[in-house]
Amino acid sequence: MPKKKVRIDPDLCVGDAICVEIAPDVFYMGDDGLAHVKEGMEFTGDREDVQQAAEECPGGAIIIEEVEE
């Protein structure tokens, strides 16, 4: 399975923290009031919690990308 990486576009993040509620092991709220991805968050397969966070993000700021090995 290909590895995937999740990132947040800070220009689109509105800071409502829904991603932190859905996947607290992946996302955290920074001192800047925006969501951030915890370091080293590459994963294989599909993570339903990350996908749900991306779908529910009001700003569409969560981006899931495949990582080339």
Protein backbone atom coordinates (compact mmCIF):
# COMPACT_ATOMS: atom_id res chain seq x y z
CA MET A 1 0.00 0.00 0.00
CA PRO A 2 1.26 3.48 -0.75
CA LYS A 3 2.23 5.73 2.12
CA LYS A 4 0.12 8.81 2.68
CA LYS A 5 0.89 12.10 4.32
CA VAL A 6 -1.55 14.64 5.69
CA ARG A 7 -0.95 18.37 5.79
CA ILE A 8 -2.92 21.51 6.52
CA ASP A 9 -2.99 24.57 4.29
CA PRO A 10 -2.69 27.42 6.84
CA ASP A 11 -4.31 29.87 4.42
CA LEU A 12 -7.50 27.78 4.43
CA CYS A 13 -7.63 26.76 8.11
CA VAL A 14 -10.33 28.61 10.06
CA GLY A 15 -9.23 27.21 13.44
CA ASP A 16 -12.46 25.51 14.49
CA ALA A 17 -10.55 22.39 15.68
CA ILE A 18 -12.96 19.78 14.27
CA CYS A 19 -9.91 17.85 13.07
CA VAL A 20 -8.49 17.74 16.61
CA GLU A 21 -11.81 16.41 17.92
CA ILE A 22 -11.93 13.69 15.25
CA ALA A 23 -8.25 12.64 15.18
CA PRO A 24 -6.37 14.03 18.22
CA ASP A 25 -3.43 11.69 17.61
CA VAL A 26 -2.85 13.38 14.23
CA PHE A 27 -3.81 17.04 14.69
CA TYR A 28 -3.25 19.70 17.36
CA MET A 29 -4.09 23.36 17.78
CA GLY A 30 -1.09 25.68 17.70
CA ASP A 31 -0.52 28.88 19.61
CA ASP A 32 -1.45 30.71 16.40
CA GLY A 33 -5.04 29.41 16.69
CA LEU A 34 -4.67 27.16 13.66
CA ALA A 35 -4.63 23.39 13.36
CA HIS A 36 -1.33 21.63 12.70
CA VAL A 37 -0.29 18.07 11.91
CA LYS A 38 1.88 16.29 14.46
CA GLU A 39 5.37 15.51 13.16
CA GLY A 40 5.98 12.23 11.39
CA MET A 41 2.36 11.60 10.44
CA GLU A 42 2.84 9.30 7.47
CA PHE A 43 0.64 6.24 7.31
CA THR A 44 -0.23 3.38 5.03
CA GLY A 45 -3.71 2.42 4.00
CA ASP A 46 -6.75 4.51 4.75
CA ARG A 47 -7.35 6.17 8.08
CA GLU A 48 -11.04 6.77 8.39
CA ASP A 49 -10.55 9.40 11.09
CA VAL A 50 -8.19 11.47 8.92
CA GLN A 51 -10.51 11.13 5.92
CA GLN A 52 -13.49 12.20 8.05
CA ALA A 53 -11.56 15.21 9.36
CA ALA A 54 -10.72 16.23 5.78
CA GLU A 55 -14.35 15.89 4.71
CA GLU A 56 -15.69 17.86 7.69
CA CYS A 57 -13.08 20.63 7.64
CA PRO A 58 -15.08 23.82 6.97
CA GLY A 59 -12.15 25.52 5.22
CA GLY A 60 -11.10 22.48 3.19
CA ALA A 61 -7.63 22.91 4.67
CA ILE A 62 -6.75 19.23 5.20
CA ILE A 63 -4.87 17.67 2.30
CA ILE A 64 -4.07 13.96 2.08
CA GLU A 65 -1.29 13.08 -0.38
CA GLU A 66 0.41 9.89 -1.46
CA VAL A 67 4.13 9.85 -0.72
CA GLU A 68 6.51 8.38 -3.27
CA GLU A 69 8.88 5.85 -1.79
